[in-house]
Amino acid sequence: MNITFLGTGTSSGVPMIGCTCAVCRSLDHRDHRLRVSVHVVVDGLSLVIDSGPDFRQQMLRARITHLDGLLFTHEHKDHTAGLDDIRAFNFRQQTDMPVYGEPRVLRQLQQEFAYIFAEHKYPGVPRVVLHPIERDDEPFDVLGVPVLPLRAMHHKLPVLGFRIGNFCYLTDANHLGPETRAQLRGADVIVLNALRREQHISHFTLAQAIEVLEEAAPKRAYLTHISHQLGRHAEVEAELPPWIRLAYDGLTISC
């Protein structure tokens, strides 16, 4: 399995519009973060988790020319706003795009992208096939690949992470129940959100994320959904144990 971090930033991205802090002015490319998304290649399938507003730029930058499916963690705009740009893959591949998400999330997509689902479609709109994730306690099938949902809470909003083989991906969370914490154990790689150092209503802080990872004890861990408030990449990463790294846009790992 190969994983590419397409975006590792929070909803505002880094640099943030109008900000002149040291992180937003940094010349280190690792401090330039598009909205959070990841590309997973497993068993020959090309999958993307979340298509935020930077989706087109991310596809071009990572030179992704084929996409077999799109998974959504939840319905917030920084995770869904780029759905329209999957039509490029419709044109290239001459097929509808499988889209996976909880029923609530798919209903929100149908509302926000009503033209995609209209009875009489305008020529050239994206073509998708919706696959509801009905249960969060058993794997669902993505074109022959079993994917285990990982339930988390984003303040009061239930969201999903995903475990594919020994790779776990969780973003936009600030609480994991005991069942999810158990599902993380034994993973080779865990990706977890760590927004900033200060307490936040809906995201793990750096210290909270480290606590979760120390309990799960994967071989390697990467932090994502990072805001400019966390600090410069190089300085923060120097504080971390060797097995926990800050993810950055364009980082590719194998699992």
C-alpha atoms as a PDB file:
ATOM      1  CA  MET A   1       0.000   0.000   0.000  1.00  0.00           C
ATOM      2  CA  ASN A   2       1.248   3.477  -0.935  1.00  0.00           C
ATOM      3  CA  ILE A   3      -0.107   6.594   0.734  1.00  0.00           C
ATOM      4  CA  THR A   4       0.389  10.185  -0.441  1.00  0.00           C
ATOM      5  CA  PHE A   5      -0.622  13.129   1.725  1.00  0.00           C
ATOM      6  CA  LEU A   6      -2.409  15.451  -0.681  1.00  0.00           C
ATOM      7  CA  GLY A   7      -3.193  18.043   1.990  1.00  0.00           C
ATOM      8  CA  THR A   8      -2.316  18.282   5.678  1.00  0.00           C
ATOM      9  CA  GLY A   9      -3.824  21.631   6.640  1.00  0.00           C
ATOM     10  CA  THR A  10      -6.880  22.731   8.539  1.00  0.00           C
ATOM     11  CA  SER A  11      -9.995  24.305   7.021  1.00  0.00           C
ATOM     12  CA  SER A  12      -8.239  27.644   6.384  1.00  0.00           C
ATOM     13  CA  GLY A  13      -5.117  26.096   4.889  1.00  0.00           C
ATOM     14  CA  VAL A  14      -1.589  27.290   5.638  1.00  0.00           C
ATOM     15  CA  PRO A  15      -0.665  30.035   4.953  1.00  0.00           C
ATOM     16  CA  MET A  16      -4.006  31.492   6.031  1.00  0.00           C
ATOM     17  CA  ILE A  17      -5.416  34.433   4.120  1.00  0.00           C
ATOM     18  CA  GLY A  18      -4.249  37.713   5.619  1.00  0.00           C
ATOM     19  CA  CYS A  19      -1.986  36.170   8.272  1.00  0.00           C
ATOM     20  CA  THR A  20       1.597  37.360   8.739  1.00  0.00           C
ATOM     21  CA  CYS A  21       2.689  34.950  11.489  1.00  0.00           C
ATOM     22  CA  ALA A  22       6.026  33.160  11.255  1.00  0.00           C
ATOM     23  CA  VAL A  23       4.417  29.933  10.013  1.00  0.00           C
ATOM     24  CA  CYS A  24       2.401  31.654   7.300  1.00  0.00           C
ATOM     25  CA  ARG A  25       5.538  33.513   6.156  1.00  0.00           C
ATOM     26  CA  SER A  26       7.723  30.399   6.288  1.00  0.00           C
ATOM     27  CA  LEU A  27       9.760  29.449   3.235  1.00  0.00           C
ATOM     28  CA  ASP A  28       9.807  25.792   4.289  1.00  0.00           C
ATOM     29  CA  HIS A  29       7.563  23.933   1.824  1.00  0.00           C
ATOM     30  CA  ARG A  30       6.418  21.679   4.669  1.00  0.00           C
ATOM     31  CA  ASP A  31       4.664  24.672   6.223  1.00  0.00           C
ATOM     32  CA  HIS A  32       2.496  25.140   3.119  1.00  0.00           C
ATOM     33  CA  ARG A  33      -0.591  23.014   3.738  1.00  0.00           C
ATOM     34  CA  LEU A  34      -3.616  22.507   1.490  1.00  0.00           C
ATOM     35  CA  ARG A  35      -6.878  21.254   2.956  1.00  0.00           C
ATOM     36  CA  VAL A  36      -6.665  17.741   4.359  1.00  0.00           C
ATOM     37  CA  SER A  37      -6.854  14.752   1.986  1.00  0.00           C
ATOM     38  CA  VAL A  38      -4.962  11.542   1.317  1.00  0.00           C
ATOM     39  CA  HIS A  39      -4.424   9.251  -1.684  1.00  0.00           C
ATOM     40  CA  VAL A  40      -4.239   5.506  -1.053  1.00  0.00           C
ATOM     41  CA  VAL A  41      -3.148   2.914  -3.618  1.00  0.00           C
ATOM     42  CA  VAL A  42      -4.047  -0.568  -2.418  1.00  0.00           C
ATOM     43  CA  ASP A  43      -4.322  -3.805  -4.403  1.00  0.00           C
ATOM     44  CA  GLY A  44      -4.066  -1.777  -7.597  1.00  0.00           C
ATOM     45  CA  LEU A  45      -6.934   0.540  -6.657  1.00  0.00           C
ATOM     46  CA  SER A  46      -6.541   4.315  -6.513  1.00  0.00           C
ATOM     47  CA  LEU A  47      -8.648   5.833  -3.710  1.00  0.00           C
ATOM     48  CA  VAL A  48      -8.913   9.326  -2.261  1.00  0.00           C
ATOM     49  CA  ILE A  49     -10.249  10.157   1.190  1.00  0.00           C
ATOM     50  CA  ASP A  50     -12.012  13.557   1.124  1.00  0.00           C
ATOM     51  CA  SER A  51     -12.115  15.980  -1.793  1.00  0.00           C
ATOM     52  CA  GLY A  52     -11.827  19.447  -0.313  1.00  0.00           C
ATOM     53  CA  PRO A  53     -11.640  22.791  -2.125  1.00  0.00           C
ATOM     54  CA  ASP A  54      -8.031  22.098  -3.192  1.00  0.00           C
ATOM     55  CA  PHE A  55      -8.885  18.770  -4.874  1.00  0.00           C
ATOM     56  CA  ARG A  56      -8.061  19.855  -8.436  1.00  0.00           C
ATOM     57  CA  GLN A  57      -4.717  21.342  -7.416  1.00  0.00           C
ATOM     58  CA  GLN A  58      -3.901  18.224  -5.409  1.00  0.00           C
ATOM     59  CA  MET A  59      -4.657  15.871  -8.296  1.00  0.00           C
ATOM     60  CA  LEU A  60      -2.445  17.888 -10.620  1.00  0.00           C
ATOM     61  CA  ARG A  61       0.394  18.240  -8.133  1.00  0.00           C
ATOM     62  CA  ALA A  62       0.428  14.515  -7.297  1.00  0.00           C
ATOM     63  CA  ARG A  63       0.014  13.590 -10.982  1.00  0.00           C
ATOM     64  CA  ILE A  64      -2.946  11.331 -10.221  1.00  0.00           C
ATOM     65  CA  THR A  65      -4.374  10.296 -13.579  1.00  0.00           C
ATOM     66  CA  HIS A  66      -6.739   7.539 -12.447  1.00  0.00           C
ATOM     67  CA  LEU A  67      -9.195   7.375  -9.560  1.00  0.00           C
ATOM     68  CA  ASP A  68     -11.304   4.341  -8.668  1.00  0.00           C
ATOM     69  CA  GLY A  69     -13.246   5.688  -5.691  1.00  0.00           C
ATOM     70  CA  LEU A  70     -13.795   8.542  -3.269  1.00  0.00           C
ATOM     71  CA  LEU A  71     -14.427   8.135   0.476  1.00  0.00           C
ATOM     72  CA  PHE A  72     -15.785  10.850   2.753  1.00  0.00           C
ATOM     73  CA  THR A  73     -15.093  11.175   6.460  1.00  0.00           C
ATOM     74  CA  HIS A  74     -17.863  13.750   6.977  1.00  0.00           C
ATOM     75  CA  GLU A  75     -19.753  16.547   5.276  1.00  0.00           C
ATOM     76  CA  HIS A  76     -17.828  19.723   6.161  1.00  0.00           C
ATOM     77  CA  LYS A  77     -16.911  21.869   3.170  1.00  0.00           C
ATOM     78  CA  ASP A  78     -13.145  21.591   3.635  1.00  0.00           C
ATOM     79  CA  HIS A  79     -13.653  17.865   2.952  1.00  0.00           C
ATOM     80  CA  THR A  80     -16.298  17.921   0.196  1.00  0.00           C
ATOM     81  CA  ALA A  81     -16.089  21.171  -1.781  1.00  0.00           C
ATOM     82  CA  GLY A  82     -13.997  19.705  -4.619  1.00  0.00           C
ATOM     83  CA  LEU A  83     -16.484  17.007  -5.623  1.00  0.00           C
ATOM     84  CA  ASP A  84     -17.270  18.760  -8.918  1.00  0.00           C
ATOM     85  CA  ASP A  85     -13.735  18.147 -10.176  1.00  0.00           C
ATOM     86  CA  ILE A  86     -14.165  14.362 -10.271  1.00  0.00           C
ATOM     87  CA  ARG A  87     -15.772  14.902 -13.695  1.00  0.00           C
ATOM     88  CA  ALA A  88     -12.275  14.972 -15.190  1.00  0.00           C
ATOM     89  CA  PHE A  89     -11.965  11.320 -14.148  1.00  0.00           C
ATOM     90  CA  ASN A  90     -15.439  10.610 -15.564  1.00  0.00           C
ATOM     91  CA  PHE A  91     -14.250  11.934 -18.927  1.00  0.00           C
ATOM     92  CA  ARG A  92     -10.951  10.047 -18.870  1.00  0.00           C
ATOM     93  CA  GLN A  93     -12.247   6.757 -17.545  1.00  0.00           C
ATOM     94  CA  GLN A  94     -15.691   6.791 -19.170  1.00  0.00           C
ATOM     95  CA  THR A  95     -17.339   5.556 -15.990  1.00  0.00           C
ATOM     96  CA  ASP A  96     -19.275   6.861 -13.007  1.00  0.00           C
ATOM     97  CA  MET A  97     -17.307   7.523  -9.808  1.00  0.00           C
ATOM     98  CA  PRO A  98     -18.106   5.379  -6.752  1.00  0.00           C
ATOM     99  CA  VAL A  99     -18.558   7.614  -3.703  1.00  0.00           C
ATOM    100  CA  TYR A 100     -18.692   6.226  -0.156  1.00  0.00           C
ATOM    101  CA  GLY A 101     -20.018   7.970   2.928  1.00  0.00           C
ATOM    102  CA  GLU A 102     -22.517   7.748   5.721  1.00  0.00           C
ATOM    103  CA  PRO A 103     -26.146   8.300   4.626  1.00  0.00           C
ATOM    104  CA  ARG A 104     -26.209  11.705   6.342  1.00  0.00           C
ATOM    105  CA  VAL A 105     -23.099  12.757   4.441  1.00  0.00           C
ATOM    106  CA  LEU A 106     -24.451  11.567   1.096  1.00  0.00           C
ATOM    107  CA  ARG A 107     -27.704  13.452   1.680  1.00  0.00           C
ATOM    108  CA  GLN A 108     -25.686  16.607   2.314  1.00  0.00           C
ATOM    109  CA  LEU A 109     -23.800  16.083  -0.963  1.00  0.00           C
ATOM    110  CA  GLN A 110     -27.109  15.679  -2.789  1.00  0.00           C
ATOM    111  CA  GLN A 111     -28.275  18.979  -1.334  1.00  0.00           C
ATOM    112  CA  GLU A 112     -25.103  20.994  -1.935  1.00  0.00           C
ATOM    113  CA  PHE A 113     -24.428  19.536  -5.387  1.00  0.00           C
ATOM    114  CA  ALA A 114     -28.066  19.261  -6.490  1.00  0.00           C
ATOM    115  CA  TYR A 115     -27.173  19.670 -10.159  1.00  0.00           C
ATOM    116  CA  ILE A 116     -25.168  16.417 -10.049  1.00  0.00           C
ATOM    117  CA  PHE A 117     -28.257  14.516  -8.926  1.00  0.00           C
ATOM    118  CA  ALA A 118     -30.922  16.354 -10.941  1.00  0.00           C
ATOM    119  CA  GLU A 119     -33.389  14.264 -12.893  1.00  0.00           C
ATOM    120  CA  HIS A 120     -32.517  16.168 -16.064  1.00  0.00           C
ATOM    121  CA  LYS A 121     -28.767  16.713 -15.900  1.00  0.00           C
ATOM    122  CA  TYR A 122     -26.846  19.471 -17.610  1.00  0.00           C
ATOM    123  CA  PRO A 123     -24.311  17.951 -20.047  1.00  0.00           C
ATOM    124  CA  GLY A 124     -20.885  17.360 -18.529  1.00  0.00           C
ATOM    125  CA  VAL A 125     -21.808  17.377 -14.832  1.00  0.00           C
ATOM    126  CA  PRO A 126     -20.019  14.858 -12.595  1.00  0.00           C
ATOM    127  CA  ARG A 127     -21.339  11.307 -12.644  1.00  0.00           C
ATOM    128  CA  VAL A 128     -21.300   9.474  -9.323  1.00  0.00           C
ATOM    129  CA  VAL A 129     -22.696   6.323  -7.777  1.00  0.00           C
ATOM    130  CA  LEU A 130     -23.453   6.707  -4.078  1.00  0.00           C
ATOM    131  CA  HIS A 131     -22.577   3.871  -1.711  1.00  0.00           C
ATOM    132  CA  PRO A 132     -23.912   4.467   1.819  1.00  0.00           C
ATOM    133  CA  ILE A 133     -21.823   3.259   4.741  1.00  0.00           C
ATOM    134  CA  GLU A 134     -24.677   1.865   6.808  1.00  0.00           C
ATOM    135  CA  ARG A 135     -22.774   0.468   9.767  1.00  0.00           C
ATOM    136  CA  ASP A 136     -19.763   1.630  11.748  1.00  0.00           C
ATOM    137  CA  ASP A 137     -19.057  -1.704  13.418  1.00  0.00           C
ATOM    138  CA  GLU A 138     -18.056  -3.853  10.448  1.00  0.00           C
ATOM    139  CA  PRO A 139     -16.007  -3.492   7.254  1.00  0.00           C
ATOM    140  CA  PHE A 140     -17.616  -2.344   4.018  1.00  0.00           C
ATOM    141  CA  ASP A 141     -16.447  -3.270   0.539  1.00  0.00           C
ATOM    142  CA  VAL A 142     -14.718  -0.815  -1.768  1.00  0.00           C
ATOM    143  CA  LEU A 143     -14.306  -2.559  -5.116  1.00  0.00           C
ATOM    144  CA  GLY A 144     -13.083  -5.718  -3.407  1.00  0.00           C
ATOM    145  CA  VAL A 145     -11.029  -4.017  -0.684  1.00  0.00           C
ATOM    146  CA  PRO A 146     -12.422  -4.300   2.870  1.00  0.00           C
ATOM    147  CA  VAL A 147     -12.438  -0.974   4.706  1.00  0.00           C
ATOM    148  CA  LEU A 148     -13.187  -0.763   8.425  1.00  0.00           C
ATOM    149  CA  PRO A 149     -14.970   2.427   9.575  1.00  0.00           C
ATOM    150  CA  LEU A 150     -13.458   4.079  12.636  1.00  0.00           C
ATOM    151  CA  ARG A 151     -16.052   6.037  14.614  1.00  0.00           C
ATOM    152  CA  ALA A 152     -14.943   9.344  16.101  1.00  0.00           C
ATOM    153  CA  MET A 153     -16.568  12.509  17.380  1.00  0.00           C
ATOM    154  CA  HIS A 154     -15.871  15.965  15.948  1.00  0.00           C
ATOM    155  CA  HIS A 155     -17.345  17.938  18.847  1.00  0.00           C
ATOM    156  CA  LYS A 156     -20.982  16.737  18.605  1.00  0.00           C
ATOM    157  CA  LEU A 157     -20.753  15.529  15.003  1.00  0.00           C
ATOM    158  CA  PRO A 158     -20.132  11.804  14.407  1.00  0.00           C
ATOM    159  CA  VAL A 159     -17.400  11.356  11.788  1.00  0.00           C
ATOM    160  CA  LEU A 160     -15.569   8.390  10.325  1.00  0.00           C
ATOM    161  CA  GLY A 161     -11.959   7.442   9.943  1.00  0.00           C
ATOM    162  CA  PHE A 162     -10.926   4.367   7.999  1.00  0.00           C
ATOM    163  CA  ARG A 163      -8.682   1.354   8.546  1.00  0.00           C
ATOM    164  CA  ILE A 164      -7.413  -0.280   5.367  1.00  0.00           C
ATOM    165  CA  GLY A 165      -5.239  -3.252   6.216  1.00  0.00           C
ATOM    166  CA  ASN A 166      -2.654  -1.991   8.703  1.00  0.00           C
ATOM    167  CA  PHE A 167      -3.185   1.676   7.801  1.00  0.00           C
ATOM    168  CA  CYS A 168      -5.505   3.873   9.906  1.00  0.00           C
ATOM    169  CA  TYR A 169      -6.599   7.382   8.960  1.00  0.00           C
ATOM    170  CA  LEU A 170      -8.484   9.675  11.353  1.00  0.00           C
ATOM    171  CA  THR A 171      -8.978  13.393  10.924  1.00  0.00           C
ATOM    172  CA  ASP A 172     -11.283  16.028  12.425  1.00  0.00           C
ATOM    173  CA  ALA A 173     -11.724  14.264  15.759  1.00  0.00           C
ATOM    174  CA  ASN A 174     -11.469  15.177  19.404  1.00  0.00           C
ATOM    175  CA  HIS A 175     -12.882  12.014  20.976  1.00  0.00           C
ATOM    176  CA  LEU A 176     -12.439   8.287  20.306  1.00  0.00           C
ATOM    177  CA  GLY A 177     -14.472   5.721  22.189  1.00  0.00           C
ATOM    178  CA  PRO A 178     -12.968   2.506  23.588  1.00  0.00           C
ATOM    179  CA  GLU A 179     -14.110   0.499  20.556  1.00  0.00           C
ATOM    180  CA  THR A 180     -12.256   2.755  18.144  1.00  0.00           C
ATOM    181  CA  ARG A 181      -9.162   2.863  20.334  1.00  0.00           C
ATOM    182  CA  ALA A 182      -9.155  -0.950  20.262  1.00  0.00           C
ATOM    183  CA  GLN A 183      -9.495  -0.939  16.466  1.00  0.00           C
ATOM    184  CA  LEU A 184      -6.340   1.177  16.187  1.00  0.00           C
ATOM    185  CA  ARG A 185      -4.176  -1.356  17.987  1.00  0.00           C
ATOM    186  CA  GLY A 186      -1.912  -3.490  15.864  1.00  0.00           C
ATOM    187  CA  ALA A 187      -1.753  -0.975  13.011  1.00  0.00           C
ATOM    188  CA  ASP A 188       1.552  -0.344  11.301  1.00  0.00           C
ATOM    189  CA  VAL A 189       0.704   3.287  10.499  1.00  0.00           C
ATOM    190  CA  ILE A 190      -1.802   5.652  12.118  1.00  0.00           C
ATOM    191  CA  VAL A 191      -2.560   9.120  10.783  1.00  0.00           C
ATOM    192  CA  LEU A 192      -4.274  11.376  13.334  1.00  0.00           C
ATOM    193  CA  ASN A 193      -5.263  15.026  13.488  1.00  0.00           C
ATOM    194  CA  ALA A 194      -3.379  17.448  15.749  1.00  0.00           C
ATOM    195  CA  LEU A 195      -4.638  20.976  15.189  1.00  0.00           C
ATOM    196  CA  ARG A 196      -2.609  23.054  17.645  1.00  0.00           C
ATOM    197  CA  ARG A 197      -1.258  23.066  21.207  1.00  0.00           C
ATOM    198  CA  GLU A 198      -4.169  24.915  22.830  1.00  0.00           C
ATOM    199  CA  GLN A 199      -7.466  23.243  23.685  1.00  0.00           C
ATOM    200  CA  HIS A 200     -10.001  23.162  20.843  1.00  0.00           C
ATOM    201  CA  ILE A 201     -13.695  22.364  20.813  1.00  0.00           C
ATOM    202  CA  SER A 202     -13.571  19.808  17.995  1.00  0.00           C
ATOM    203  CA  HIS A 203      -9.966  18.741  17.284  1.00  0.00           C
ATOM    204  CA  PHE A 204      -7.248  16.918  19.169  1.00  0.00           C
ATOM    205  CA  THR A 205      -4.433  19.073  20.464  1.00  0.00           C
ATOM    206  CA  LEU A 206      -0.852  17.954  19.927  1.00  0.00           C
ATOM    207  CA  ALA A 207      -0.673  16.489  23.439  1.00  0.00           C
ATOM    208  CA  GLN A 208      -4.007  14.700  23.077  1.00  0.00           C
ATOM    209  CA  ALA A 209      -3.006  13.179  19.759  1.00  0.00           C
ATOM    210  CA  ILE A 210       0.264  11.914  21.230  1.00  0.00           C
ATOM    211  CA  GLU A 211      -1.662  10.331  24.117  1.00  0.00           C
ATOM    212  CA  VAL A 212      -3.917   8.447  21.691  1.00  0.00           C
ATOM    213  CA  LEU A 213      -0.950   7.283  19.644  1.00  0.00           C
ATOM    214  CA  GLU A 214       1.043   6.143  22.660  1.00  0.00           C
ATOM    215  CA  GLU A 215      -1.907   3.985  23.718  1.00  0.00           C
ATOM    216  CA  ALA A 216      -2.379   2.528  20.212  1.00  0.00           C
ATOM    217  CA  ALA A 217       1.389   1.986  19.790  1.00  0.00           C
ATOM    218  CA  PRO A 218       1.689   1.728  15.993  1.00  0.00           C
ATOM    219  CA  LYS A 219       5.063   1.249  14.357  1.00  0.00           C
ATOM    220  CA  ARG A 220       4.795   4.740  12.849  1.00  0.00           C
ATOM    221  CA  ALA A 221       2.419   7.660  13.204  1.00  0.00           C
ATOM    222  CA  TYR A 222       1.832  10.883  11.299  1.00  0.00           C
ATOM    223  CA  LEU A 223      -0.031  14.003  12.383  1.00  0.00           C
ATOM    224  CA  THR A 224      -2.275  15.900   9.990  1.00  0.00           C
ATOM    225  CA  HIS A 225      -5.003  18.606   9.862  1.00  0.00           C
ATOM    226  CA  ILE A 226      -2.429  21.067  11.208  1.00  0.00           C
ATOM    227  CA  SER A 227      -3.074  24.780  11.673  1.00  0.00           C
ATOM    228  CA  HIS A 228      -0.592  27.639  11.581  1.00  0.00           C
ATOM    229  CA  GLN A 229      -1.060  27.871  15.355  1.00  0.00           C
ATOM    230  CA  LEU A 230       0.865  24.635  15.937  1.00  0.00           C
ATOM    231  CA  GLY A 231       4.186  26.170  14.904  1.00  0.00           C
ATOM    232  CA  ARG A 232       6.819  25.672  12.243  1.00  0.00           C
ATOM    233  CA  HIS A 233       7.142  22.134  10.952  1.00  0.00           C
ATOM    234  CA  ALA A 234      10.836  21.719  11.743  1.00  0.00           C
ATOM    235  CA  GLU A 235      10.529  23.065  15.279  1.00  0.00           C
ATOM    236  CA  VAL A 236       7.470  20.980  16.203  1.00  0.00           C
ATOM    237  CA  GLU A 237       8.821  17.788  14.713  1.00  0.00           C
ATOM    238  CA  ALA A 238      12.040  18.153  16.724  1.00  0.00           C
ATOM    239  CA  GLU A 239       9.955  17.790  19.895  1.00  0.00           C
ATOM    240  CA  LEU A 240       8.355  14.504  18.842  1.00  0.00           C
ATOM    241  CA  PRO A 241       9.528  10.947  19.442  1.00  0.00           C
ATOM    242  CA  PRO A 242      11.172   9.418  16.346  1.00  0.00           C
ATOM    243  CA  TRP A 243       8.155   7.240  15.522  1.00  0.00           C
ATOM    244  CA  ILE A 244       5.754  10.205  15.367  1.00  0.00           C
ATOM    245  CA  ARG A 245       6.250  12.660  12.498  1.00  0.00           C
ATOM    246  CA  LEU A 246       4.357  15.634  11.153  1.00  0.00           C
ATOM    247  CA  ALA A 247       2.868  14.816   7.778  1.00  0.00           C
ATOM    248  CA  TYR A 248       3.325  17.404   5.036  1.00  0.00           C
ATOM    249  CA  ASP A 249       1.859  17.912   1.590  1.00  0.00           C
ATOM    250  CA  GLY A 250       3.434  15.555  -0.928  1.00  0.00           C
ATOM    251  CA  LEU A 251       4.837  13.116   1.633  1.00  0.00           C
ATOM    252  CA  THR A 252       4.566   9.525   0.369  1.00  0.00           C
ATOM    253  CA  ILE A 253       4.851   6.486   2.612  1.00  0.00           C
ATOM    254  CA  SER A 254       4.398   2.741   2.234  1.00  0.00           C
ATOM    255  CA  CYS A 255       2.577   0.428   4.572  1.00  0.00           C
END
